[in-house]
Amino acid sequence: MAEQRQAVARPLSPHLQIYRFTITMAMSIIHRITGAGLYAGSALVAWWLIALATGPEAYAAFQAVAGSWIGQLVLIGYTWALLNHLFSGIRYFFWDEIVATSPESANKLSWAAALLGIAGTVLVWAVIFSMRGAI
């Protein structure tokens, strides 16, 4: 007769439904996304530099795109990605040096990185918009 197989009770792998979403998890995910965004956004910096070196017509074309509302939105997003990735990277540097590794301090450091990225973006663009009025 054929042997009957019985189900073996094995532990299940943890799933996203089991984990509680935390700020450290969110910042880790955002760090990876902003890193990829910065990689793609470097094409904008290259376009700007090439247009600057090529001449007034090429720079005017870049300026027309960058000066539009969608261009401004992309540049603000690029600035946020840059600053958020910077402060999140500093957070990882602290962890590499075994500083702020308790759950409470890790959460505080993650919140600080998130808020500094937003505040830095607002500050940079406030300066840019104020300089536009002055020039």
Protein backbone atom coordinates (compact mmCIF):
# COMPACT_ATOMS: atom_id res chain seq x y z
CA MET A 1 0.00 0.00 0.00
CA ALA A 2 1.03 3.53 -0.65
CA GLU A 3 2.43 5.40 2.23
CA GLN A 4 0.34 8.33 3.35
CA ARG A 5 2.13 11.57 3.90
CA GLN A 6 1.23 13.67 6.84
CA ALA A 7 1.67 17.41 6.95
CA VAL A 8 4.70 18.42 8.97
CA ALA A 9 4.20 21.43 11.21
CA ARG A 10 6.86 23.88 10.14
CA PRO A 11 7.20 27.49 11.14
CA LEU A 12 5.91 29.97 8.60
CA SER A 13 8.09 32.73 7.27
CA PRO A 14 7.14 36.18 8.57
CA HIS A 15 5.01 38.15 6.15
CA LEU A 16 4.25 41.83 5.69
CA GLN A 17 0.97 41.32 7.56
CA ILE A 18 2.94 40.38 10.67
CA TYR A 19 5.39 43.27 10.65
CA ARG A 20 4.35 46.64 12.02
CA PHE A 21 5.27 49.50 9.69
CA THR A 22 7.84 51.70 11.45
CA ILE A 23 9.64 54.93 10.65
CA THR A 24 12.96 53.11 10.35
CA MET A 25 11.42 50.73 7.81
CA ALA A 26 9.88 53.63 5.87
CA MET A 27 13.14 55.58 5.83
CA SER A 28 15.06 52.53 4.63
CA ILE A 29 12.63 52.07 1.75
CA ILE A 30 12.68 55.79 0.92
CA HIS A 31 16.50 55.78 1.04
CA ARG A 32 16.60 53.13 -1.67
CA ILE A 33 13.96 54.90 -3.79
CA THR A 34 15.69 58.28 -3.53
CA GLY A 35 19.01 56.66 -4.43
CA ALA A 36 17.47 55.33 -7.64
CA GLY A 37 15.83 58.71 -8.25
CA LEU A 38 19.14 60.50 -7.84
CA TYR A 39 20.73 58.12 -10.30
CA ALA A 40 18.06 58.97 -12.88
CA GLY A 41 18.03 62.66 -11.89
CA SER A 42 21.71 62.98 -12.63
CA ALA A 43 20.64 63.20 -16.27
CA LEU A 44 19.05 66.55 -15.37
CA VAL A 45 22.34 67.84 -13.97
CA ALA A 46 24.18 66.57 -17.05
CA TRP A 47 21.61 68.26 -19.33
CA TRP A 48 22.02 71.52 -17.41
CA LEU A 49 25.83 71.41 -17.64
CA ILE A 50 25.82 70.46 -21.33
CA ALA A 51 23.32 73.23 -22.10
CA LEU A 52 25.44 75.69 -20.13
CA ALA A 53 28.57 74.72 -22.07
CA THR A 54 26.87 74.55 -25.47
CA GLY A 55 25.58 78.09 -25.69
CA PRO A 56 22.68 80.48 -25.17
CA GLU A 57 20.20 78.63 -27.40
CA ALA A 58 20.72 75.28 -25.66
CA TYR A 59 20.56 76.93 -22.24
CA ALA A 60 17.35 78.75 -23.21
CA ALA A 61 15.80 75.40 -24.16
CA PHE A 62 16.80 73.92 -20.81
CA GLN A 63 15.56 77.01 -18.98
CA ALA A 64 12.19 76.79 -20.75
CA VAL A 65 11.71 73.22 -19.55
CA ALA A 66 13.12 73.79 -16.05
CA GLY A 67 11.12 77.00 -15.66
CA SER A 68 7.76 75.39 -16.42
CA TRP A 69 5.55 74.27 -13.54
CA ILE A 70 6.28 70.60 -14.22
CA GLY A 71 10.01 71.34 -14.45
CA GLN A 72 9.85 73.17 -11.12
CA LEU A 73 8.03 70.24 -9.57
CA VAL A 74 10.70 67.82 -10.84
CA LEU A 75 13.50 70.06 -9.55
CA ILE A 76 11.87 70.38 -6.13
CA GLY A 77 11.46 66.60 -6.02
CA TYR A 78 15.10 66.16 -7.03
CA THR A 79 16.18 68.54 -4.27
CA TRP A 80 14.11 66.64 -1.70
CA ALA A 81 15.51 63.31 -2.90
CA LEU A 82 19.06 64.66 -2.66
CA LEU A 83 18.66 66.07 0.86
CA ASN A 84 16.61 63.16 2.16
CA HIS A 85 19.18 60.69 0.83
CA LEU A 86 21.96 62.77 2.39
CA PHE A 87 20.43 62.85 5.87
CA SER A 88 19.35 59.24 5.66
CA GLY A 89 22.92 58.33 4.69
CA ILE A 90 24.19 60.19 7.74
CA ARG A 91 21.74 58.13 9.79
CA TYR A 92 23.28 54.96 8.36
CA PHE A 93 26.74 56.33 9.13
CA PHE A 94 25.77 56.71 12.79
CA TRP A 95 24.48 53.15 12.85
CA ASP A 96 27.71 51.91 11.24
CA GLU A 97 29.58 53.53 14.11
CA ILE A 98 27.25 51.76 16.59
CA VAL A 99 25.61 55.01 17.69
CA ALA A 100 21.85 55.42 18.24
CA THR A 101 21.03 51.74 17.75
CA SER A 102 18.40 51.36 20.45
CA PRO A 103 14.85 51.32 19.04
CA GLU A 104 13.99 54.68 20.62
CA SER A 105 17.10 56.49 19.37
CA ALA A 106 16.84 54.82 15.96
CA ASN A 107 13.28 56.14 15.65
CA LYS A 108 14.37 59.63 16.72
CA LEU A 109 17.23 59.61 14.24
CA SER A 110 14.91 58.44 11.46
CA TRP A 111 12.38 61.18 12.23
CA ALA A 112 15.20 63.73 12.32
CA ALA A 113 16.47 62.61 8.91
CA ALA A 114 12.96 62.79 7.42
CA LEU A 115 12.24 66.23 8.86
CA LEU A 116 15.66 67.62 7.92
CA GLY A 117 15.13 66.48 4.33
CA ILE A 118 11.81 68.30 4.15
CA ALA A 119 13.03 71.40 6.01
CA GLY A 120 16.18 71.59 3.88
CA THR A 121 14.13 71.40 0.68
CA VAL A 122 11.81 74.15 1.87
CA LEU A 123 14.79 76.30 2.85
CA VAL A 124 16.62 75.79 -0.46
CA TRP A 125 13.55 76.62 -2.53
CA ALA A 126 12.61 79.58 -0.33
CA VAL A 127 16.05 81.03 -1.06
CA ILE A 128 15.70 80.26 -4.78
CA PHE A 129 12.27 81.88 -5.02
CA SER A 130 13.40 84.91 -3.01
CA MET A 131 16.42 85.35 -5.29
CA ARG A 132 14.20 85.26 -8.36
CA GLY A 133 12.31 88.27 -7.07
CA ALA A 134 15.55 90.12 -6.36
CA ILE A 135 17.15 89.52 -9.75
